[in-house]
Amino acid sequence: ELVESGGGSVQSGGSLTLSCVASGFAYGYNQYNMGWYRKAPGKEREGVAAISTDGRTNYADFVKGRFTVSRDNAKNKLYLQMTNLEPDDTAIYYCAAAFAGRGGWLLTLTVRESQGYWGQGIQVTVSS
C-alpha cells in the first residue's frame, strides 16, 4: 500500500512537500524503484520524478530545477519537494512503486497503471 500526504493549496511561487509511506510490499522497500506521477484536469496521467533503488533520479522537463525527489529507506518513505509552483502544477499527485527487477519503466516515467503499486493520489492546487 502507498499513502500520500502533504498536498493542499498554495499560491503561485510557493512550495509544498509531498510524502508517501509504503507498506505491505512483497520485498523490502529498498528493492523498489519509486516515483511520482500526476494527473491534471482534462489531461492524461504523466510522470513527474523517479528515484531508483541506488538513488539515481529522473525528472520530467517541466519540473527540472523546481522539484526534488528523495527517499528514506529506513522509514519506507518517498518525498517530493516542490518549489516555485505554478498554476499548471495543479493536479492529483500519485506515488508509485515497482520492484526493481521488473520496474525499469518507472525510472523512465512511463505510465503503466496496471503494474506496480499506486497510491490513491493527493490534490495539489496552485492559484495565480
C-alpha atoms as a PDB file:
ATOM      1  CA  GLU A   1       0.000   0.000   0.000  1.00  0.00           C
ATOM      2  CA  LEU A   2       1.105   3.547  -0.742  1.00  0.00           C
ATOM      3  CA  VAL A   3      -0.350   6.526   1.106  1.00  0.00           C
ATOM      4  CA  GLU A   4       0.382  10.101   0.077  1.00  0.00           C
ATOM      5  CA  SER A   5       0.255  13.168   2.316  1.00  0.00           C
ATOM      6  CA  GLY A   6       1.267  16.818   2.267  1.00  0.00           C
ATOM      7  CA  GLY A   7      -0.925  18.119  -0.510  1.00  0.00           C
ATOM      8  CA  GLY A   8      -3.005  21.264  -0.350  1.00  0.00           C
ATOM      9  CA  SER A   9      -3.457  24.717  -1.811  1.00  0.00           C
ATOM     10  CA  VAL A  10      -0.690  27.240  -2.350  1.00  0.00           C
ATOM     11  CA  GLN A  11      -0.179  30.437  -4.291  1.00  0.00           C
ATOM     12  CA  SER A  12       1.974  30.662  -7.375  1.00  0.00           C
ATOM     13  CA  GLY A  13       5.637  30.718  -6.412  1.00  0.00           C
ATOM     14  CA  GLY A  14       5.007  28.789  -3.218  1.00  0.00           C
ATOM     15  CA  SER A  15       6.305  25.425  -2.041  1.00  0.00           C
ATOM     16  CA  LEU A  16       4.934  22.099  -0.851  1.00  0.00           C
ATOM     17  CA  THR A  17       6.482  18.795   0.124  1.00  0.00           C
ATOM     18  CA  LEU A  18       4.626  15.584  -0.601  1.00  0.00           C
ATOM     19  CA  SER A  19       5.298  12.387   1.323  1.00  0.00           C
ATOM     20  CA  CYS A  20       4.438   8.799   0.576  1.00  0.00           C
ATOM     21  CA  VAL A  21       4.703   5.912   3.011  1.00  0.00           C
ATOM     22  CA  ALA A  22       4.879   2.330   1.770  1.00  0.00           C
ATOM     23  CA  SER A  23       3.739  -0.848   3.450  1.00  0.00           C
ATOM     24  CA  GLY A  24       2.941  -4.429   2.584  1.00  0.00           C
ATOM     25  CA  PHE A  25       5.473  -4.867  -0.213  1.00  0.00           C
ATOM     26  CA  ALA A  26       6.456  -8.409  -1.116  1.00  0.00           C
ATOM     27  CA  TYR A  27      10.123  -7.429  -0.884  1.00  0.00           C
ATOM     28  CA  GLY A  28      11.976  -4.792   1.108  1.00  0.00           C
ATOM     29  CA  TYR A  29      11.184  -1.168   0.290  1.00  0.00           C
ATOM     30  CA  ASN A  30      14.795  -0.590  -0.764  1.00  0.00           C
ATOM     31  CA  GLN A  31      14.311  -3.047  -3.629  1.00  0.00           C
ATOM     32  CA  TYR A  32      11.693  -0.873  -5.328  1.00  0.00           C
ATOM     33  CA  ASN A  33      12.052   1.964  -7.776  1.00  0.00           C
ATOM     34  CA  MET A  34       9.819   4.803  -6.625  1.00  0.00           C
ATOM     35  CA  GLY A  35       8.224   7.711  -8.407  1.00  0.00           C
ATOM     36  CA  TRP A  36       5.693  10.495  -8.546  1.00  0.00           C
ATOM     37  CA  TYR A  37       3.078  10.960 -11.243  1.00  0.00           C
ATOM     38  CA  ARG A  38       0.299  13.483 -11.674  1.00  0.00           C
ATOM     39  CA  LYS A  39      -2.994  13.912 -13.472  1.00  0.00           C
ATOM     40  CA  ALA A  40      -4.299  17.372 -14.226  1.00  0.00           C
ATOM     41  CA  PRO A  41      -7.933  18.021 -15.153  1.00  0.00           C
ATOM     42  CA  GLY A  42      -8.545  17.075 -18.762  1.00  0.00           C
ATOM     43  CA  LYS A  43      -5.083  15.594 -19.209  1.00  0.00           C
ATOM     44  CA  GLU A  44      -3.537  12.142 -19.146  1.00  0.00           C
ATOM     45  CA  ARG A  45      -1.518  10.939 -16.182  1.00  0.00           C
ATOM     46  CA  GLU A  46       2.148  11.860 -16.604  1.00  0.00           C
ATOM     47  CA  GLY A  47       5.407  11.081 -14.899  1.00  0.00           C
ATOM     48  CA  VAL A  48       6.953  13.771 -12.697  1.00  0.00           C
ATOM     49  CA  ALA A  49      10.023  12.315 -10.964  1.00  0.00           C
ATOM     50  CA  ALA A  50      11.533   8.952 -10.153  1.00  0.00           C
ATOM     51  CA  ILE A  51      14.278   7.550  -7.966  1.00  0.00           C
ATOM     52  CA  SER A  52      15.988   4.200  -8.256  1.00  0.00           C
ATOM     53  CA  THR A  53      16.996   1.800  -5.521  1.00  0.00           C
ATOM     54  CA  ASP A  54      20.509   3.284  -5.559  1.00  0.00           C
ATOM     55  CA  GLY A  55      19.367   6.909  -5.588  1.00  0.00           C
ATOM     56  CA  ARG A  56      19.540   7.788  -9.279  1.00  0.00           C
ATOM     57  CA  THR A  57      16.883  10.311 -10.211  1.00  0.00           C
ATOM     58  CA  ASN A  58      14.982  11.301 -13.320  1.00  0.00           C
ATOM     59  CA  TYR A  59      12.738  14.318 -13.781  1.00  0.00           C
ATOM     60  CA  ALA A  60      10.232  15.446 -16.347  1.00  0.00           C
ATOM     61  CA  ASP A  61      11.469  18.529 -18.182  1.00  0.00           C
ATOM     62  CA  PHE A  62       8.643  20.659 -16.835  1.00  0.00           C
ATOM     63  CA  VAL A  63       9.816  20.223 -13.212  1.00  0.00           C
ATOM     64  CA  LYS A  64      13.590  20.228 -13.591  1.00  0.00           C
ATOM     65  CA  GLY A  65      15.165  22.711 -11.253  1.00  0.00           C
ATOM     66  CA  ARG A  66      11.949  23.125  -9.245  1.00  0.00           C
ATOM     67  CA  PHE A  67      11.150  19.657  -7.823  1.00  0.00           C
ATOM     68  CA  THR A  68      13.383  17.252  -5.894  1.00  0.00           C
ATOM     69  CA  VAL A  69      12.606  13.586  -5.287  1.00  0.00           C
ATOM     70  CA  SER A  70      14.194  11.707  -2.390  1.00  0.00           C
ATOM     71  CA  ARG A  71      13.673   8.573  -0.380  1.00  0.00           C
ATOM     72  CA  ASP A  72      14.300   7.374   3.172  1.00  0.00           C
ATOM     73  CA  ASN A  73      14.662   3.606   3.078  1.00  0.00           C
ATOM     74  CA  ALA A  74      14.773   3.341   6.881  1.00  0.00           C
ATOM     75  CA  LYS A  75      11.287   4.857   7.067  1.00  0.00           C
ATOM     76  CA  ASN A  76       9.842   3.352   3.863  1.00  0.00           C
ATOM     77  CA  LYS A  77       9.125   6.866   2.670  1.00  0.00           C
ATOM     78  CA  LEU A  78       9.310   8.827  -0.548  1.00  0.00           C
ATOM     79  CA  TYR A  79       9.303  12.612  -0.812  1.00  0.00           C
ATOM     80  CA  LEU A  80       8.726  15.252  -3.452  1.00  0.00           C
ATOM     81  CA  GLN A  81       9.892  18.758  -2.610  1.00  0.00           C
ATOM     82  CA  MET A  82       8.127  21.206  -4.899  1.00  0.00           C
ATOM     83  CA  THR A  83       9.262  24.810  -5.156  1.00  0.00           C
ATOM     84  CA  ASN A  84       8.331  27.746  -7.367  1.00  0.00           C
ATOM     85  CA  LEU A  85       4.970  26.142  -8.014  1.00  0.00           C
ATOM     86  CA  GLU A  86       2.919  27.289 -10.977  1.00  0.00           C
ATOM     87  CA  PRO A  87      -0.816  27.031 -11.708  1.00  0.00           C
ATOM     88  CA  ASP A  88      -0.008  24.379 -14.339  1.00  0.00           C
ATOM     89  CA  ASP A  89       1.275  22.166 -11.499  1.00  0.00           C
ATOM     90  CA  THR A  90      -2.312  21.826 -10.244  1.00  0.00           C
ATOM     91  CA  ALA A  91      -3.108  18.116 -10.338  1.00  0.00           C
ATOM     92  CA  ILE A  92      -3.675  14.982  -8.346  1.00  0.00           C
ATOM     93  CA  TYR A  93      -0.247  13.600  -7.470  1.00  0.00           C
ATOM     94  CA  TYR A  94       0.303   9.858  -7.205  1.00  0.00           C
ATOM     95  CA  CYS A  95       3.060   7.853  -5.589  1.00  0.00           C
ATOM     96  CA  ALA A  96       4.140   4.718  -7.482  1.00  0.00           C
ATOM     97  CA  ALA A  97       6.435   1.787  -6.812  1.00  0.00           C
ATOM     98  CA  ALA A  98       7.838  -1.004  -8.950  1.00  0.00           C
ATOM     99  CA  PHE A  99      10.087  -3.871  -7.978  1.00  0.00           C
ATOM    100  CA  ALA A 100      13.492  -3.040  -9.396  1.00  0.00           C
ATOM    101  CA  GLY A 101      13.810  -6.339 -11.245  1.00  0.00           C
ATOM    102  CA  ARG A 102      10.744  -5.514 -13.337  1.00  0.00           C
ATOM    103  CA  GLY A 103      10.409  -1.784 -12.736  1.00  0.00           C
ATOM    104  CA  GLY A 104      12.623  -0.093 -15.286  1.00  0.00           C
ATOM    105  CA  TRP A 105       9.549   1.509 -16.820  1.00  0.00           C
ATOM    106  CA  LEU A 106       9.063   3.665 -13.731  1.00  0.00           C
ATOM    107  CA  LEU A 107      12.538   5.182 -13.969  1.00  0.00           C
ATOM    108  CA  THR A 108      11.718   6.432 -17.474  1.00  0.00           C
ATOM    109  CA  LEU A 109       8.488   7.988 -16.126  1.00  0.00           C
ATOM    110  CA  THR A 110       6.364   5.724 -18.298  1.00  0.00           C
ATOM    111  CA  VAL A 111       2.755   5.359 -17.158  1.00  0.00           C
ATOM    112  CA  ARG A 112       1.744   1.741 -16.513  1.00  0.00           C
ATOM    113  CA  GLU A 113      -1.238   1.876 -14.220  1.00  0.00           C
ATOM    114  CA  SER A 114      -1.748  -1.893 -14.311  1.00  0.00           C
ATOM    115  CA  GLN A 115       1.739  -2.591 -12.993  1.00  0.00           C
ATOM    116  CA  GLY A 116       3.457  -1.941  -9.702  1.00  0.00           C
ATOM    117  CA  TYR A 117       1.828  -0.250  -6.756  1.00  0.00           C
ATOM    118  CA  TRP A 118      -0.062   3.051  -6.881  1.00  0.00           C
ATOM    119  CA  GLY A 119      -1.336   5.360  -4.194  1.00  0.00           C
ATOM    120  CA  GLN A 120      -4.795   6.886  -4.174  1.00  0.00           C
ATOM    121  CA  GLY A 121      -3.449  10.311  -5.014  1.00  0.00           C
ATOM    122  CA  ILE A 122      -3.450  13.679  -3.300  1.00  0.00           C
ATOM    123  CA  GLN A 123      -4.618  17.043  -4.578  1.00  0.00           C
ATOM    124  CA  VAL A 124      -2.229  19.931  -5.155  1.00  0.00           C
ATOM    125  CA  THR A 125      -3.786  23.233  -6.171  1.00  0.00           C
ATOM    126  CA  VAL A 126      -1.750  26.261  -7.189  1.00  0.00           C
ATOM    127  CA  SER A 127      -3.544  29.561  -7.579  1.00  0.00           C
ATOM    128  CA  SER A 128      -2.268  32.548  -9.523  1.00  0.00           C
END
